[in-house]
């Protein structure tokens, strides 16, 4: 019966002539066969927006090479994966100064946010994520930086791989 519904009672153009139950079908008797099966309305996923800081600093002993500041995720969703530091962001309400204070509170690093480098989006099963990547500079604390070689070996989520591309980091990763 399940196979019958999947192959014969298809939305918009049911194949009633091929159905062994067409004489007993209530929908066909009422002329409503094209209204079934009803499509379930998809529940809209909420969108969560974050700001990410792209901090580049020269690596000691690496000539003109830069390193990127990444943090290791400790939450349940992406625990153990590395990525850009994130803070919640309300694009129309939050000024750069507000975001700088959030980064300081969350990571203990005083940042100055500069230009926006771009946006990356990713869909999870229960929400849609938008991350706005800002070029930033850090003050007052030495950061642990990853070189391009190290970036290629670190476990990164797909959205952080997108952010790496936006940052201009030249790394070769296995997909």
N, C-alpha and C. Protein backbone atom coordinates (compact mmCIF):
# COMPACT_ATOMS: atom_id res chain seq x y z
N UNK A 1 0.83 -1.20 0.00
CA UNK A 1 0.00 0.00 0.00
C UNK A 1 0.88 1.27 0.00
N UNK A 2 2.01 1.21 0.72
CA UNK A 2 2.93 2.36 0.75
C UNK A 2 3.49 2.61 -0.64
N UNK A 3 3.81 1.54 -1.35
CA UNK A 3 4.37 1.65 -2.70
C UNK A 3 3.33 2.24 -3.65
N UNK A 4 2.08 1.89 -3.44
CA UNK A 4 0.99 2.42 -4.25
C UNK A 4 0.90 3.94 -4.09
N UNK A 5 1.00 4.39 -2.86
CA UNK A 5 0.95 5.83 -2.60
C UNK A 5 2.14 6.56 -3.19
N UNK A 6 3.30 5.93 -3.19
CA UNK A 6 4.50 6.58 -3.71
C UNK A 6 4.54 6.60 -5.23
N UNK A 7 3.96 5.59 -5.88
CA UNK A 7 4.06 5.49 -7.34
C UNK A 7 2.80 5.91 -8.10
N UNK A 8 1.63 5.78 -7.48
CA UNK A 8 0.38 6.06 -8.18
C UNK A 8 -0.27 7.35 -7.69
N UNK A 9 -0.39 7.51 -6.40
CA UNK A 9 -1.02 8.71 -5.82
C UNK A 9 0.01 9.82 -5.69
N UNK A 10 0.56 10.24 -6.81
CA UNK A 10 1.59 11.27 -6.79
C UNK A 10 0.95 12.65 -6.81
N UNK A 11 1.60 13.65 -6.21
CA UNK A 11 1.03 15.00 -6.16
C UNK A 11 0.77 15.57 -7.56
N UNK A 12 -0.27 16.34 -7.70
CA UNK A 12 -0.70 17.07 -8.89
C UNK A 12 -1.16 16.18 -10.06
N UNK A 13 -0.56 15.03 -10.31
CA UNK A 13 -0.98 14.19 -11.43
C UNK A 13 -1.07 12.72 -11.02
N UNK A 14 -2.07 12.40 -10.19
CA UNK A 14 -2.21 11.00 -9.77
C UNK A 14 -2.59 10.11 -10.95
N UNK A 15 -2.12 8.89 -10.92
CA UNK A 15 -2.37 7.93 -12.01
C UNK A 15 -3.56 7.05 -11.63
N UNK A 16 -4.73 7.66 -11.50
CA UNK A 16 -5.93 6.96 -11.04
C UNK A 16 -6.31 5.79 -11.94
N UNK A 17 -6.05 5.89 -13.24
CA UNK A 17 -6.39 4.81 -14.16
C UNK A 17 -5.61 3.54 -13.89
N UNK A 18 -4.45 3.64 -13.27
CA UNK A 18 -3.62 2.47 -12.97
C UNK A 18 -3.83 1.95 -11.56
N UNK A 19 -4.67 2.61 -10.79
CA UNK A 19 -4.83 2.26 -9.39
C UNK A 19 -5.86 1.14 -9.22
N UNK A 20 -5.50 0.07 -8.52
CA UNK A 20 -6.45 -1.02 -8.29
C UNK A 20 -7.56 -0.62 -7.31
N UNK A 21 -7.41 0.48 -6.61
CA UNK A 21 -8.41 0.92 -5.65
C UNK A 21 -9.23 2.11 -6.15
N UNK A 22 -9.16 2.43 -7.45
CA UNK A 22 -9.80 3.65 -7.94
C UNK A 22 -11.33 3.63 -7.78
N UNK A 23 -11.94 2.49 -7.74
CA UNK A 23 -13.40 2.41 -7.55
C UNK A 23 -13.82 2.73 -6.13
N UNK A 24 -12.91 2.57 -5.19
CA UNK A 24 -13.23 2.81 -3.78
C UNK A 24 -12.60 4.08 -3.23
N UNK A 25 -11.91 4.81 -4.07
CA UNK A 25 -11.16 5.99 -3.63
C UNK A 25 -12.12 7.15 -3.36
N UNK A 26 -12.18 7.60 -2.14
CA UNK A 26 -13.07 8.69 -1.73
C UNK A 26 -12.65 9.99 -2.40
N UNK A 27 -11.35 10.24 -2.49
CA UNK A 27 -10.86 11.48 -3.12
C UNK A 27 -11.28 11.53 -4.58
N UNK A 28 -11.22 10.42 -5.30
CA UNK A 28 -11.60 10.39 -6.72
C UNK A 28 -13.10 10.59 -6.87
N UNK A 29 -13.89 9.97 -5.99
CA UNK A 29 -15.35 10.11 -6.05
C UNK A 29 -15.77 11.57 -5.84
N UNK A 30 -15.01 12.30 -5.04
CA UNK A 30 -15.33 13.70 -4.76
C UNK A 30 -14.60 14.65 -5.70
N UNK A 31 -13.83 14.11 -6.65
CA UNK A 31 -13.11 14.94 -7.61
C UNK A 31 -11.97 15.75 -6.98
N UNK A 32 -11.45 15.24 -5.90
CA UNK A 32 -10.38 15.95 -5.18
C UNK A 32 -9.04 15.22 -5.24
N UNK A 33 -8.92 14.28 -6.18
CA UNK A 33 -7.73 13.44 -6.19
C UNK A 33 -6.43 14.22 -6.41
N UNK A 34 -6.52 15.37 -7.07
CA UNK A 34 -5.29 16.13 -7.32
C UNK A 34 -4.86 16.95 -6.11
N UNK A 35 -5.69 16.98 -5.08
CA UNK A 35 -5.34 17.72 -3.87
C UNK A 35 -4.59 16.84 -2.86
N UNK A 36 -4.45 15.57 -3.20
CA UNK A 36 -3.79 14.64 -2.27
C UNK A 36 -2.59 14.00 -2.96
N UNK A 37 -1.62 13.57 -2.27
CA UNK A 37 -1.43 13.76 -0.83
C UNK A 37 -1.03 15.20 -0.54
N UNK A 38 -1.42 15.67 0.62
CA UNK A 38 -1.07 17.03 1.01
C UNK A 38 0.42 17.08 1.35
N UNK A 39 1.05 18.13 0.88
CA UNK A 39 2.46 18.31 1.21
C UNK A 39 2.56 18.89 2.62
N UNK A 40 3.45 18.32 3.38
CA UNK A 40 3.69 18.85 4.71
C UNK A 40 4.46 20.16 4.57
N UNK A 41 4.01 21.16 5.29
CA UNK A 41 4.72 22.43 5.22
C UNK A 41 6.00 22.31 6.04
N UNK A 42 7.09 22.76 5.42
CA UNK A 42 8.36 22.68 6.11
C UNK A 42 8.42 23.75 7.18
N UNK A 43 8.91 23.34 8.33
CA UNK A 43 9.07 24.28 9.42
C UNK A 43 10.30 25.14 9.12
N UNK A 44 10.13 26.44 9.22
CA UNK A 44 11.25 27.35 8.95
C UNK A 44 12.29 27.24 10.05
N UNK A 45 13.52 27.12 9.62
CA UNK A 45 14.62 27.10 10.58
C UNK A 45 14.98 28.53 10.95
N UNK A 46 15.24 28.77 12.21
CA UNK A 46 15.67 30.12 12.58
C UNK A 46 17.06 30.41 12.02
N UNK A 47 17.35 31.67 11.77
CA UNK A 47 18.67 32.09 11.31
C UNK A 47 19.42 32.67 12.48
N UNK A 48 20.65 32.19 12.67
CA UNK A 48 21.53 32.72 13.71
C UNK A 48 22.69 33.41 13.01
N UNK A 49 22.94 34.66 13.40
CA UNK A 49 23.99 35.45 12.76
C UNK A 49 25.13 35.66 13.76
N UNK A 50 26.35 35.48 13.28
CA UNK A 50 27.54 35.65 14.11
C UNK A 50 28.53 36.55 13.40
N UNK A 51 29.39 37.17 14.18
CA UNK A 51 30.53 37.90 13.64
C UNK A 51 31.76 37.07 13.94
N UNK A 52 32.66 36.99 12.97
CA UNK A 52 33.92 36.27 13.15
C UNK A 52 35.06 37.24 12.95
N UNK A 53 36.13 37.04 13.71
CA UNK A 53 37.31 37.90 13.60
C UNK A 53 38.41 37.17 12.86
N UNK A 54 38.93 37.80 11.83
CA UNK A 54 40.06 37.26 11.08
C UNK A 54 41.30 38.07 11.48
N UNK A 55 42.06 37.52 12.42
CA UNK A 55 43.26 38.20 12.91
C UNK A 55 44.48 37.54 12.28
N UNK A 56 45.24 38.34 11.54
CA UNK A 56 46.49 37.87 10.94
C UNK A 56 47.63 38.61 11.62
N UNK A 57 48.65 37.86 11.95
CA UNK A 57 49.85 38.48 12.51
C UNK A 57 51.06 37.77 11.93
N UNK A 58 52.17 38.48 11.80
CA UNK A 58 53.38 37.83 11.28
C UNK A 58 53.83 36.72 12.23
N UNK A 59 54.24 35.61 11.65
CA UNK A 59 54.78 34.50 12.43
C UNK A 59 56.26 34.74 12.66
N UNK A 60 56.72 34.49 13.86
CA UNK A 60 58.14 34.66 14.16
C UNK A 60 58.96 33.67 13.34
N UNK A 61 60.00 34.15 12.73
CA UNK A 61 60.89 33.28 11.97
C UNK A 61 60.32 32.79 10.66
N UNK A 62 59.23 33.35 10.21
CA UNK A 62 58.61 32.88 8.97
C UNK A 62 58.71 33.91 7.86
N UNK A 63 59.59 34.89 8.01
CA UNK A 63 59.72 35.91 6.97
C UNK A 63 58.48 36.77 6.92
N UNK A 64 57.87 36.84 5.74
CA UNK A 64 56.68 37.68 5.58
C UNK A 64 55.39 36.89 5.73
N UNK A 65 55.48 35.66 6.18
CA UNK A 65 54.27 34.84 6.31
C UNK A 65 53.44 35.25 7.52
N UNK A 66 52.15 35.16 7.34
CA UNK A 66 51.22 35.48 8.43
C UNK A 66 50.64 34.20 9.00
N UNK A 67 50.20 34.31 10.24
CA UNK A 67 49.45 33.23 10.87
C UNK A 67 48.05 33.72 11.15
N UNK A 68 47.11 32.81 11.28
CA UNK A 68 45.72 33.15 11.59
C UNK A 68 45.39 32.69 13.00
N UNK A 69 44.60 33.51 13.70
CA UNK A 69 44.15 33.15 15.03
C UNK A 69 42.90 32.30 14.91
N UNK A 70 42.96 31.06 15.39
CA UNK A 70 41.81 30.17 15.41
C UNK A 70 41.62 29.66 16.83
N UNK A 71 40.40 29.28 17.16
CA UNK A 71 40.11 28.73 18.48
C UNK A 71 39.49 27.35 18.31
N UNK A 72 39.65 26.53 19.33
CA UNK A 72 39.09 25.18 19.29
C UNK A 72 37.69 25.21 19.88
N UNK A 73 36.73 24.66 19.12
CA UNK A 73 35.35 24.64 19.59
C UNK A 73 35.18 23.75 20.79
N UNK A 74 34.43 24.25 21.77
CA UNK A 74 34.19 23.46 22.97
C UNK A 74 32.70 23.16 23.16
N UNK A 75 31.87 23.66 22.24
CA UNK A 75 30.44 23.41 22.41
C UNK A 75 30.08 22.03 21.86
N UNK A 76 28.85 21.63 22.07
CA UNK A 76 28.41 20.30 21.65
C UNK A 76 28.27 20.19 20.13
N UNK A 77 27.93 21.29 19.47
CA UNK A 77 27.68 21.24 18.03
C UNK A 77 28.95 20.98 17.24
N UNK A 78 30.00 21.73 17.50
CA UNK A 78 31.24 21.58 16.73
C UNK A 78 32.43 21.35 17.65
N UNK A 79 32.19 20.67 18.75
CA UNK A 79 33.26 20.42 19.72
C UNK A 79 34.44 19.71 19.08
N UNK A 80 35.63 20.20 19.37
CA UNK A 80 36.84 19.59 18.86
C UNK A 80 37.31 20.13 17.52
N UNK A 81 36.46 20.87 16.82
CA UNK A 81 36.86 21.46 15.54
C UNK A 81 37.41 22.86 15.77
N UNK A 82 38.33 23.25 14.93
CA UNK A 82 38.93 24.58 15.02
C UNK A 82 38.18 25.55 14.11
N UNK A 83 38.24 26.82 14.46
CA UNK A 83 37.58 27.81 13.61
C UNK A 83 37.86 29.22 14.07
N UNK A 84 37.32 30.15 13.32
CA UNK A 84 37.45 31.55 13.66
C UNK A 84 36.65 31.82 14.93
N UNK A 85 37.12 32.73 15.79
CA UNK A 85 36.34 33.07 16.98
C UNK A 85 35.05 33.77 16.57
N UNK A 86 33.94 33.37 17.19
CA UNK A 86 32.61 33.89 16.84
C UNK A 86 31.94 34.53 18.04
N UNK A 87 31.15 35.55 17.77
CA UNK A 87 30.25 36.12 18.78
C UNK A 87 28.91 36.39 18.10
N UNK A 88 27.79 36.35 18.86
CA UNK A 88 26.49 36.66 18.27
C UNK A 88 26.49 38.07 17.68
N UNK A 89 25.73 38.24 16.61
CA UNK A 89 25.77 39.50 15.87
C UNK A 89 24.38 39.85 15.37
N UNK A 90 23.95 41.08 15.61
CA UNK A 90 22.69 41.60 15.06
C UNK A 90 23.09 42.68 14.06
N UNK A 91 23.14 42.37 12.77
CA UNK A 91 23.69 43.29 11.77
C UNK A 91 23.12 44.71 11.79
N UNK A 92 21.86 44.87 12.03
CA UNK A 92 21.29 46.22 11.99
C UNK A 92 21.40 46.94 13.34
N UNK A 93 21.68 46.19 14.40
CA UNK A 93 21.69 46.80 15.73
C UNK A 93 23.08 46.96 16.33
N UNK A 94 23.99 46.04 16.02
CA UNK A 94 25.30 46.04 16.67
C UNK A 94 26.32 46.89 15.92
N UNK A 95 26.92 47.81 16.64
CA UNK A 95 28.02 48.59 16.08
C UNK A 95 29.31 47.80 16.27
N UNK A 96 30.35 48.18 15.56
CA UNK A 96 31.63 47.48 15.68
C UNK A 96 32.14 47.51 17.12
N UNK A 97 31.89 48.61 17.82
CA UNK A 97 32.35 48.72 19.21
C UNK A 97 31.69 47.67 20.09
N UNK A 98 30.42 47.40 19.85
CA UNK A 98 29.70 46.38 20.61
C UNK A 98 30.32 45.01 20.36
N UNK A 99 30.63 44.73 19.10
CA UNK A 99 31.25 43.44 18.76
C UNK A 99 32.64 43.33 19.38
N UNK A 100 33.40 44.40 19.36
CA UNK A 100 34.74 44.38 19.96
C UNK A 100 34.65 44.05 21.44
N UNK A 101 33.65 44.61 22.13
CA UNK A 101 33.46 44.31 23.56
C UNK A 101 33.08 42.85 23.76
N UNK A 102 32.26 42.31 22.85
CA UNK A 102 31.86 40.89 22.97
C UNK A 102 33.07 39.97 22.79
N UNK A 103 33.93 40.29 21.82
CA UNK A 103 35.13 39.47 21.62
C UNK A 103 36.02 39.53 22.86
N UNK A 104 36.14 40.71 23.45
CA UNK A 104 36.97 40.87 24.66
C UNK A 104 36.39 40.04 25.80
N UNK A 105 35.07 40.12 25.99
CA UNK A 105 34.40 39.39 27.06
C UNK A 105 34.50 37.87 26.84
N UNK A 106 34.30 37.43 25.61
CA UNK A 106 34.27 36.00 25.29
C UNK A 106 35.66 35.36 25.24
N UNK A 107 36.63 36.08 24.68
CA UNK A 107 37.94 35.47 24.42
C UNK A 107 39.09 36.16 25.17
N UNK A 108 38.80 37.26 25.87
CA UNK A 108 39.85 37.96 26.60
C UNK A 108 40.87 38.64 25.70
N UNK A 109 40.44 39.02 24.51
CA UNK A 109 41.34 39.65 23.55
C UNK A 109 40.70 40.96 23.09
N UNK A 110 41.47 42.03 23.16
CA UNK A 110 40.97 43.32 22.67
C UNK A 110 41.21 43.38 21.17
N UNK A 111 40.13 43.48 20.44
CA UNK A 111 40.22 43.53 18.98
C UNK A 111 39.79 44.90 18.47
N UNK A 112 40.34 45.25 17.34
CA UNK A 112 39.84 46.37 16.57
C UNK A 112 39.36 45.77 15.25
N UNK A 113 38.07 45.90 14.99
CA UNK A 113 37.51 45.36 13.76
C UNK A 113 37.69 46.37 12.64
N UNK A 114 38.08 45.87 11.49
CA UNK A 114 38.29 46.73 10.33
C UNK A 114 37.19 46.43 9.31
N UNK A 115 37.55 46.19 8.09
CA UNK A 115 36.54 45.99 7.05
C UNK A 115 35.93 44.59 7.08
N UNK A 116 34.73 44.51 6.52
CA UNK A 116 34.06 43.22 6.37
C UNK A 116 34.69 42.50 5.18
N UNK A 117 35.07 41.23 5.38
CA UNK A 117 35.69 40.43 4.31
C UNK A 117 34.67 39.63 3.52
N UNK A 118 33.51 39.41 4.09
CA UNK A 118 32.48 38.65 3.40
C UNK A 118 31.61 37.88 4.37
N UNK A 119 30.73 37.06 3.80
CA UNK A 119 29.79 36.27 4.60
C UNK A 119 29.81 34.82 4.14
N UNK A 120 29.64 33.94 5.09
CA UNK A 120 29.52 32.51 4.79
C UNK A 120 28.24 32.02 5.44
N UNK A 121 27.56 31.12 4.74
CA UNK A 121 26.31 30.57 5.26
C UNK A 121 26.40 29.06 5.30
N UNK A 122 25.69 28.49 6.27
CA UNK A 122 25.67 27.04 6.39
C UNK A 122 24.35 26.61 7.01
N UNK A 123 23.80 25.51 6.54
CA UNK A 123 22.55 24.98 7.09
C UNK A 123 22.83 23.79 7.98
N UNK A 124 22.30 23.86 9.18
CA UNK A 124 22.30 22.72 10.09
C UNK A 124 20.86 22.21 10.13
N UNK A 125 20.64 21.08 10.75
CA UNK A 125 19.29 20.52 10.76
C UNK A 125 18.28 21.41 11.47
N UNK A 126 18.71 22.15 12.48
CA UNK A 126 17.77 22.92 13.28
C UNK A 126 17.95 24.43 13.19
N UNK A 127 18.92 24.93 12.42
CA UNK A 127 19.04 26.37 12.20
C UNK A 127 19.91 26.67 10.99
N UNK A 128 19.76 27.89 10.49
CA UNK A 128 20.57 28.40 9.38
C UNK A 128 21.58 29.37 9.99
N UNK A 129 22.85 29.21 9.65
CA UNK A 129 23.90 30.05 10.22
C UNK A 129 24.47 30.99 9.18
N UNK A 130 24.59 32.26 9.55
CA UNK A 130 25.25 33.27 8.72
C UNK A 130 26.40 33.83 9.55
N UNK A 131 27.59 33.83 8.97
CA UNK A 131 28.76 34.37 9.67
C UNK A 131 29.34 35.51 8.84
N UNK A 132 29.46 36.67 9.46
CA UNK A 132 30.06 37.84 8.82
C UNK A 132 31.51 37.90 9.30
N UNK A 133 32.44 37.82 8.35
CA UNK A 133 33.87 37.79 8.68
C UNK A 133 34.46 39.20 8.59
N UNK A 134 35.07 39.64 9.69
CA UNK A 134 35.71 40.95 9.74
C UNK A 134 37.22 40.79 9.83
N UNK A 135 37.93 41.61 9.10
CA UNK A 135 39.37 41.71 9.29
C UNK A 135 39.57 42.42 10.62
N UNK A 136 40.51 41.94 11.43
CA UNK A 136 40.68 42.51 12.76
C UNK A 136 42.15 42.52 13.15
N UNK A 137 42.47 43.35 14.12
CA UNK A 137 43.81 43.34 14.71
C UNK A 137 43.65 43.20 16.21
N UNK A 138 44.60 42.51 16.84
CA UNK A 138 44.53 42.22 18.27
C UNK A 138 45.53 43.08 19.02
N UNK A 139 45.15 43.40 20.25
CA UNK A 139 46.03 44.20 21.09
C UNK A 139 46.11 43.56 22.47
N UNK A 140 47.26 43.74 23.10
CA UNK A 140 47.37 43.42 24.51
C UNK A 140 47.60 41.97 24.88
N UNK A 141 47.67 41.06 23.93
CA UNK A 141 47.87 39.66 24.29
C UNK A 141 48.43 38.92 23.10
N UNK A 142 49.36 38.04 23.35
CA UNK A 142 49.90 37.21 22.28
C UNK A 142 48.89 36.09 21.99
N UNK A 143 48.60 35.90 20.74
CA UNK A 143 47.63 34.88 20.33
C UNK A 143 48.37 33.66 19.81
N UNK A 144 47.73 32.52 19.93
CA UNK A 144 48.27 31.31 19.32
C UNK A 144 47.83 31.33 17.86
N UNK A 145 48.81 31.36 16.97
CA UNK A 145 48.53 31.49 15.54
C UNK A 145 48.81 30.19 14.82
N UNK A 146 48.06 29.93 13.78
CA UNK A 146 48.27 28.75 12.94
C UNK A 146 48.87 29.19 11.62
N UNK A 147 49.93 28.51 11.22
CA UNK A 147 50.54 28.79 9.92
C UNK A 147 49.70 28.12 8.83
N UNK A 148 49.99 28.44 7.58
CA UNK A 148 49.25 27.82 6.47
C UNK A 148 49.42 26.31 6.49
N UNK A 149 50.60 25.84 6.83
CA UNK A 149 50.86 24.40 6.90
C UNK A 149 50.00 23.76 7.99
N UNK A 150 49.92 24.42 9.14
CA UNK A 150 49.11 23.90 10.25
C UNK A 150 47.62 23.94 9.91
N UNK A 151 47.20 25.00 9.21
CA UNK A 151 45.79 25.11 8.83
C UNK A 151 45.34 23.91 8.00
N UNK A 152 46.22 23.42 7.16
CA UNK A 152 45.88 22.29 6.29
C UNK A 152 45.65 21.02 7.09
N UNK A 153 46.20 20.95 8.29
CA UNK A 153 46.06 19.73 9.11
C UNK A 153 44.98 19.83 10.18
N UNK A 154 44.53 21.04 10.48
CA UNK A 154 43.54 21.20 11.56
C UNK A 154 42.16 20.74 11.11
N UNK A 155 41.40 20.09 12.01
CA UNK A 155 40.02 19.74 11.66
C UNK A 155 39.14 20.99 11.69
N UNK A 156 38.57 21.33 10.55
CA UNK A 156 37.73 22.52 10.41
C UNK A 156 36.35 22.13 9.90
N UNK A 157 35.34 22.83 10.38
CA UNK A 157 33.99 22.61 9.86
C UNK A 157 33.90 23.19 8.45
N UNK A 158 32.88 22.80 7.71
CA UNK A 158 32.69 23.30 6.34
C UNK A 158 32.54 24.82 6.32
N UNK A 159 31.81 25.36 7.28
CA UNK A 159 31.61 26.81 7.28
C UNK A 159 32.93 27.53 7.55
N UNK A 160 33.80 26.95 8.37
CA UNK A 160 35.10 27.58 8.61
C UNK A 160 36.03 27.42 7.41
N UNK A 161 35.84 26.38 6.63
CA UNK A 161 36.59 26.26 5.37
C UNK A 161 36.17 27.38 4.41
N UNK A 162 34.87 27.69 4.41
CA UNK A 162 34.38 28.80 3.58
C UNK A 162 34.98 30.13 4.06
N UNK A 163 35.04 30.30 5.38
CA UNK A 163 35.61 31.52 5.94
C UNK A 163 37.10 31.64 5.61
N UNK A 164 37.80 30.52 5.62
CA UNK A 164 39.22 30.55 5.25
C UNK A 164 39.41 31.07 3.84
N UNK A 165 38.53 30.63 2.93
CA UNK A 165 38.61 31.14 1.55
C UNK A 165 38.38 32.64 1.52
N UNK A 166 37.39 33.11 2.29
CA UNK A 166 37.12 34.54 2.35
C UNK A 166 38.30 35.33 2.91
N UNK A 167 39.03 34.69 3.83
CA UNK A 167 40.15 35.38 4.46
C UNK A 167 41.35 35.50 3.54
N UNK A 168 41.33 34.71 2.46
CA UNK A 168 42.45 34.75 1.53
C UNK A 168 43.58 33.82 1.92
N UNK A 169 43.37 32.97 2.91
CA UNK A 169 44.41 32.04 3.33
C UNK A 169 44.66 31.04 2.21
N UNK A 170 45.90 30.93 1.83
CA UNK A 170 46.27 30.01 0.74
C UNK A 170 46.66 28.68 1.34
N UNK A 171 45.68 27.80 1.48
CA UNK A 171 45.99 26.47 2.02
C UNK A 171 45.42 25.42 1.10
N UNK A 172 46.05 24.28 1.11
CA UNK A 172 45.51 23.16 0.32
C UNK A 172 44.96 22.15 1.30
N UNK A 173 43.67 21.85 1.16
CA UNK A 173 42.99 20.92 2.06
C UNK A 173 42.44 19.75 1.26
N UNK A 174 42.37 18.63 1.94
CA UNK A 174 41.66 17.50 1.36
C UNK A 174 40.20 17.67 1.72
N UNK A 175 39.32 17.58 0.74
CA UNK A 175 37.89 17.77 1.02
C UNK A 175 37.25 16.49 1.44
